[in-house]
Each structure stands twice: as structure tokens, then as C-alpha cells.
Amino acid sequence: MEKKYKTSAKRREIVRRSEFKRLYGITKDDFDEMLKGQEYKCKICGLRSSELKRTFHLDHCHDTLKIRGILCPSCNTGLGLFRDNIEVLKSAVKYLEEN
């Protein structure tokens, strides 16, 4: 069972590396350097990589594919659920402040 887990984890890492290169033109080393520049923290909430159960996500603009930063899974999902819409996010902040 342990061997199968290691194989699937290794496969996921290989796929992840090829996706970085194919979609965004960066290598895993580039990603690691960006993460180092962010002090190994999510660019939004500041959660450290050591506090995560899952890996960081490479956040990008869905229209231009321009890389914006590296985020924890929760922040990356949150932006996606808000459709990267600044006005909706501002409205959410206002809602939280008022309640």
C-alpha cells in the first residue's frame, strides 16, 4: 500500500511540473523561487507552507494566464468562487464589516 502511495504522489508531482511549463512557461524551480520570495507563505492570508495539508497553488489571471502569485488552496478557491471579480469581493468585505 505504501509503495502505491509513493508512486501516485510521484506521478502527481511529474504532472504538476509539466503543467507549470506547458501552461505558464515556468519550471518547478521557478515556482520554488517565487515561493521563497513570498517567504513560503500564501500571498493573501500569510499561511505558511508548513501549516498546509495540501500544496500551494499557482494563481493566475484566467484571461491572460499571467501569474499573480502563489496562494494556499483556500485563498485560491475563494478567488475562483468570487470569479476574480473585485466588485463582488468588495461587496463581501462590506457585508462582513456590517455583520
N, C-alpha and C. Protein backbone atom coordinates (compact mmCIF):
# COMPACT_ATOMS: atom_id res chain seq x y z
N MET A 1 0.83 -1.20 0.00
CA MET A 1 0.00 0.00 0.00
C MET A 1 0.87 1.26 0.00
N GLU A 2 1.91 1.26 0.82
CA GLU A 2 2.81 2.42 0.90
C GLU A 2 3.47 2.70 -0.45
N LYS A 3 3.86 1.64 -1.15
CA LYS A 3 4.52 1.80 -2.45
C LYS A 3 3.58 2.47 -3.46
N LYS A 4 2.32 2.06 -3.48
CA LYS A 4 1.34 2.65 -4.39
C LYS A 4 1.18 4.14 -4.11
N TYR A 5 1.13 4.52 -2.82
CA TYR A 5 1.00 5.93 -2.45
C TYR A 5 2.19 6.73 -2.97
N LYS A 6 3.39 6.20 -2.78
CA LYS A 6 4.58 6.91 -3.24
C LYS A 6 4.55 7.08 -4.76
N THR A 7 4.10 6.06 -5.47
CA THR A 7 4.03 6.12 -6.92
C THR A 7 3.03 7.19 -7.37
N SER A 8 1.85 7.22 -6.75
CA SER A 8 0.86 8.21 -7.16
C SER A 8 1.31 9.62 -6.79
N ALA A 9 1.96 9.79 -5.66
CA ALA A 9 2.48 11.10 -5.27
C ALA A 9 3.56 11.55 -6.25
N LYS A 10 4.40 10.63 -6.65
CA LYS A 10 5.45 10.95 -7.62
C LYS A 10 4.83 11.33 -8.96
N ARG A 11 3.82 10.59 -9.36
CA ARG A 11 3.13 10.88 -10.62
C ARG A 11 2.49 12.26 -10.59
N ARG A 12 1.82 12.60 -9.48
CA ARG A 12 1.20 13.92 -9.35
C ARG A 12 2.25 15.02 -9.48
N GLU A 13 3.41 14.82 -8.89
CA GLU A 13 4.47 15.82 -8.97
C GLU A 13 4.98 15.98 -10.40
N ILE A 14 5.11 14.89 -11.12
CA ILE A 14 5.56 14.94 -12.51
C ILE A 14 4.53 15.69 -13.36
N VAL A 15 3.26 15.39 -13.17
CA VAL A 15 2.20 16.06 -13.91
C VAL A 15 2.19 17.55 -13.58
N ARG A 16 2.35 17.88 -12.29
CA ARG A 16 2.36 19.28 -11.87
C ARG A 16 3.49 20.06 -12.54
N ARG A 17 4.67 19.46 -12.57
CA ARG A 17 5.81 20.13 -13.20
C ARG A 17 5.56 20.39 -14.68
N SER A 18 4.99 19.40 -15.37
CA SER A 18 4.75 19.59 -16.81
C SER A 18 3.65 20.62 -17.05
N GLU A 19 2.66 20.70 -16.15
CA GLU A 19 1.60 21.70 -16.28
C GLU A 19 2.16 23.11 -16.09
N PHE A 20 3.05 23.31 -15.12
CA PHE A 20 3.68 24.62 -14.93
C PHE A 20 4.33 25.08 -16.21
N LYS A 21 5.07 24.20 -16.83
CA LYS A 21 5.82 24.55 -18.04
C LYS A 21 4.87 24.77 -19.21
N ARG A 22 3.93 23.87 -19.40
CA ARG A 22 3.03 23.95 -20.55
C ARG A 22 2.10 25.16 -20.48
N LEU A 23 1.51 25.39 -19.32
CA LEU A 23 0.51 26.46 -19.20
C LEU A 23 1.11 27.84 -18.93
N TYR A 24 2.16 27.88 -18.12
CA TYR A 24 2.65 29.18 -17.65
C TYR A 24 4.10 29.48 -18.04
N GLY A 25 4.76 28.51 -18.64
CA GLY A 25 6.13 28.73 -19.08
C GLY A 25 7.15 28.81 -17.96
N ILE A 26 6.82 28.23 -16.80
CA ILE A 26 7.78 28.25 -15.70
C ILE A 26 8.11 26.82 -15.27
N THR A 27 9.27 26.68 -14.68
CA THR A 27 9.69 25.38 -14.17
C THR A 27 9.33 25.26 -12.69
N LYS A 28 9.49 24.06 -12.17
CA LYS A 28 9.27 23.85 -10.73
C LYS A 28 10.27 24.69 -9.94
N ASP A 29 11.48 24.85 -10.45
CA ASP A 29 12.48 25.70 -9.78
C ASP A 29 12.02 27.16 -9.76
N ASP A 30 11.41 27.63 -10.85
CA ASP A 30 10.85 28.99 -10.87
C ASP A 30 9.77 29.15 -9.81
N PHE A 31 8.89 28.14 -9.72
CA PHE A 31 7.83 28.15 -8.71
C PHE A 31 8.43 28.21 -7.31
N ASP A 32 9.43 27.36 -7.06
CA ASP A 32 10.08 27.33 -5.75
C ASP A 32 10.74 28.67 -5.42
N GLU A 33 11.31 29.32 -6.43
CA GLU A 33 11.94 30.63 -6.22
C GLU A 33 10.89 31.69 -5.89
N MET A 34 9.74 31.63 -6.57
CA MET A 34 8.64 32.56 -6.26
C MET A 34 8.16 32.35 -4.83
N LEU A 35 8.02 31.10 -4.44
CA LEU A 35 7.56 30.79 -3.09
C LEU A 35 8.56 31.27 -2.05
N LYS A 36 9.82 31.13 -2.35
CA LYS A 36 10.87 31.65 -1.46
C LYS A 36 10.74 33.16 -1.33
N GLY A 37 10.49 33.84 -2.44
CA GLY A 37 10.30 35.29 -2.44
C GLY A 37 9.10 35.73 -1.61
N GLN A 38 8.14 34.83 -1.46
CA GLN A 38 6.96 35.10 -0.62
C GLN A 38 7.17 34.58 0.80
N GLU A 39 8.40 34.23 1.12
CA GLU A 39 8.77 33.70 2.44
C GLU A 39 7.97 32.45 2.78
N TYR A 40 7.70 31.64 1.75
CA TYR A 40 6.98 30.37 1.90
C TYR A 40 5.61 30.55 2.52
N LYS A 41 4.94 31.69 2.18
CA LYS A 41 3.62 31.99 2.71
C LYS A 41 2.65 32.30 1.57
N CYS A 42 1.37 32.09 1.85
CA CYS A 42 0.32 32.48 0.91
C CYS A 42 0.35 33.99 0.75
N LYS A 43 0.25 34.46 -0.47
CA LYS A 43 0.34 35.89 -0.75
C LYS A 43 -0.87 36.67 -0.22
N ILE A 44 -1.97 35.99 0.08
CA ILE A 44 -3.15 36.68 0.61
C ILE A 44 -3.23 36.56 2.14
N CYS A 45 -3.30 35.35 2.65
CA CYS A 45 -3.56 35.17 4.09
C CYS A 45 -2.31 34.99 4.94
N GLY A 46 -1.19 34.71 4.31
CA GLY A 46 0.06 34.56 5.05
C GLY A 46 0.29 33.19 5.66
N LEU A 47 -0.58 32.23 5.37
CA LEU A 47 -0.41 30.88 5.88
C LEU A 47 0.89 30.31 5.33
N ARG A 48 1.65 29.67 6.20
CA ARG A 48 2.95 29.10 5.80
C ARG A 48 2.76 27.71 5.20
N SER A 49 3.71 27.35 4.35
CA SER A 49 3.64 26.04 3.70
C SER A 49 3.63 24.91 4.73
N SER A 50 4.33 25.10 5.84
CA SER A 50 4.39 24.07 6.87
C SER A 50 3.04 23.86 7.57
N GLU A 51 2.11 24.81 7.40
CA GLU A 51 0.79 24.71 8.03
C GLU A 51 -0.25 24.07 7.11
N LEU A 52 0.15 23.77 5.89
CA LEU A 52 -0.79 23.23 4.91
C LEU A 52 -0.77 21.71 4.87
N LYS A 53 -1.93 21.14 4.62
CA LYS A 53 -2.01 19.71 4.37
C LYS A 53 -1.84 19.43 2.88
N ARG A 54 -2.21 20.42 2.04
CA ARG A 54 -2.07 20.29 0.59
C ARG A 54 -1.02 21.29 0.10
N THR A 55 -0.72 21.23 -1.17
CA THR A 55 0.32 22.10 -1.73
C THR A 55 -0.25 23.47 -2.11
N PHE A 56 0.63 24.43 -2.23
CA PHE A 56 0.25 25.76 -2.70
C PHE A 56 -0.21 25.69 -4.16
N HIS A 57 -0.96 26.71 -4.55
CA HIS A 57 -1.45 26.82 -5.93
C HIS A 57 -0.81 28.03 -6.60
N LEU A 58 -0.56 27.90 -7.88
CA LEU A 58 -0.05 28.99 -8.69
C LEU A 58 -1.26 29.78 -9.18
N ASP A 59 -1.46 30.98 -8.64
CA ASP A 59 -2.62 31.79 -9.02
C ASP A 59 -2.30 32.57 -10.28
N HIS A 60 -3.29 32.66 -11.15
CA HIS A 60 -3.10 33.35 -12.43
C HIS A 60 -4.41 33.97 -12.88
N CYS A 61 -4.29 34.96 -13.74
CA CYS A 61 -5.46 35.56 -14.37
C CYS A 61 -5.98 34.58 -15.42
N HIS A 62 -7.26 34.28 -15.37
CA HIS A 62 -7.82 33.30 -16.30
C HIS A 62 -7.95 33.85 -17.72
N ASP A 63 -7.92 35.17 -17.87
CA ASP A 63 -8.00 35.75 -19.21
C ASP A 63 -6.63 35.79 -19.90
N THR A 64 -5.61 36.22 -19.15
CA THR A 64 -4.28 36.42 -19.74
C THR A 64 -3.29 35.30 -19.41
N LEU A 65 -3.62 34.47 -18.42
CA LEU A 65 -2.73 33.44 -17.87
C LEU A 65 -1.51 34.03 -17.17
N LYS A 66 -1.52 35.35 -16.94
CA LYS A 66 -0.42 35.99 -16.22
C LYS A 66 -0.44 35.52 -14.76
N ILE A 67 0.73 35.13 -14.27
CA ILE A 67 0.87 34.66 -12.90
C ILE A 67 0.77 35.84 -11.94
N ARG A 68 -0.07 35.69 -10.90
CA ARG A 68 -0.24 36.74 -9.90
C ARG A 68 0.51 36.44 -8.61
N GLY A 69 0.65 35.18 -8.28
CA GLY A 69 1.32 34.82 -7.05
C GLY A 69 1.02 33.38 -6.69
N ILE A 70 1.47 33.00 -5.51
CA ILE A 70 1.25 31.65 -5.00
C ILE A 70 0.33 31.76 -3.79
N LEU A 71 -0.74 30.96 -3.82
CA LEU A 71 -1.75 31.02 -2.78
C LEU A 71 -1.99 29.66 -2.15
N CYS A 72 -2.51 29.70 -0.92
CA CYS A 72 -2.93 28.46 -0.27
C CYS A 72 -4.19 27.98 -0.99
N PRO A 73 -4.54 26.72 -0.85
CA PRO A 73 -5.74 26.22 -1.54
C PRO A 73 -7.01 27.00 -1.20
N SER A 74 -7.18 27.41 0.04
CA SER A 74 -8.40 28.13 0.42
C SER A 74 -8.50 29.49 -0.26
N CYS A 75 -7.42 30.26 -0.26
CA CYS A 75 -7.46 31.58 -0.90
C CYS A 75 -7.64 31.45 -2.41
N ASN A 76 -6.98 30.48 -3.01
CA ASN A 76 -7.11 30.27 -4.44
C ASN A 76 -8.55 29.89 -4.80
N THR A 77 -9.15 29.01 -4.03
CA THR A 77 -10.53 28.61 -4.25
C THR A 77 -11.47 29.79 -4.03
N GLY A 78 -11.21 30.58 -2.99
CA GLY A 78 -12.04 31.74 -2.70
C GLY A 78 -12.08 32.72 -3.85
N LEU A 79 -10.92 33.02 -4.42
CA LEU A 79 -10.89 33.93 -5.57
C LEU A 79 -11.70 33.35 -6.73
N GLY A 80 -11.56 32.06 -6.94
CA GLY A 80 -12.30 31.42 -8.02
C GLY A 80 -13.80 31.47 -7.79
N LEU A 81 -14.22 31.23 -6.56
CA LEU A 81 -15.65 31.26 -6.25
C LEU A 81 -16.23 32.66 -6.39
N PHE A 82 -15.39 33.66 -6.17
CA PHE A 82 -15.82 35.05 -6.37
C PHE A 82 -15.57 35.50 -7.81
N ARG A 83 -15.19 34.56 -8.67
CA ARG A 83 -14.97 34.80 -10.10
C ARG A 83 -13.95 35.91 -10.37
N ASP A 84 -12.99 36.08 -9.48
CA ASP A 84 -11.95 37.11 -9.62
C ASP A 84 -12.56 38.50 -9.81
N ASN A 85 -13.76 38.70 -9.32
CA ASN A 85 -14.50 39.95 -9.51
C ASN A 85 -14.27 40.87 -8.31
N ILE A 86 -13.55 41.95 -8.53
CA ILE A 86 -13.20 42.88 -7.45
C ILE A 86 -14.44 43.48 -6.80
N GLU A 87 -15.44 43.83 -7.58
CA GLU A 87 -16.65 44.42 -7.02
C GLU A 87 -17.39 43.44 -6.10
N VAL A 88 -17.43 42.19 -6.49
CA VAL A 88 -18.07 41.18 -5.64
C VAL A 88 -17.27 40.99 -4.36
N LEU A 89 -15.95 40.99 -4.48
CA LEU A 89 -15.11 40.87 -3.28
C LEU A 89 -15.29 42.07 -2.35
N LYS A 90 -15.37 43.28 -2.90
CA LYS A 90 -15.61 44.47 -2.08
C LYS A 90 -16.96 44.37 -1.38
N SER A 91 -17.95 43.88 -2.09
CA SER A 91 -19.27 43.71 -1.51
C SER A 91 -19.22 42.69 -0.37
N ALA A 92 -18.44 41.64 -0.53
CA ALA A 92 -18.28 40.63 0.52
C ALA A 92 -17.61 41.24 1.75
N VAL A 93 -16.60 42.07 1.54
CA VAL A 93 -15.92 42.73 2.66
C VAL A 93 -16.90 43.65 3.39
N LYS A 94 -17.67 44.43 2.64
CA LYS A 94 -18.66 45.31 3.23
C LYS A 94 -19.67 44.52 4.05
N TYR A 95 -20.12 43.43 3.51
CA TYR A 95 -21.07 42.55 4.21
C TYR A 95 -20.48 42.06 5.54
N LEU A 96 -19.22 41.61 5.51
CA LEU A 96 -18.59 41.14 6.74
C LEU A 96 -18.40 42.26 7.76
N GLU A 97 -18.03 43.43 7.27
CA GLU A 97 -17.85 44.57 8.19
C GLU A 97 -19.16 44.99 8.85
N GLU A 98 -20.24 44.88 8.13
CA GLU A 98 -21.53 45.31 8.66
C GLU A 98 -22.18 44.26 9.56
N ASN A 99 -21.74 43.06 9.45
CA ASN A 99 -22.36 41.98 10.22
C ASN A 99 -21.35 41.42 11.17
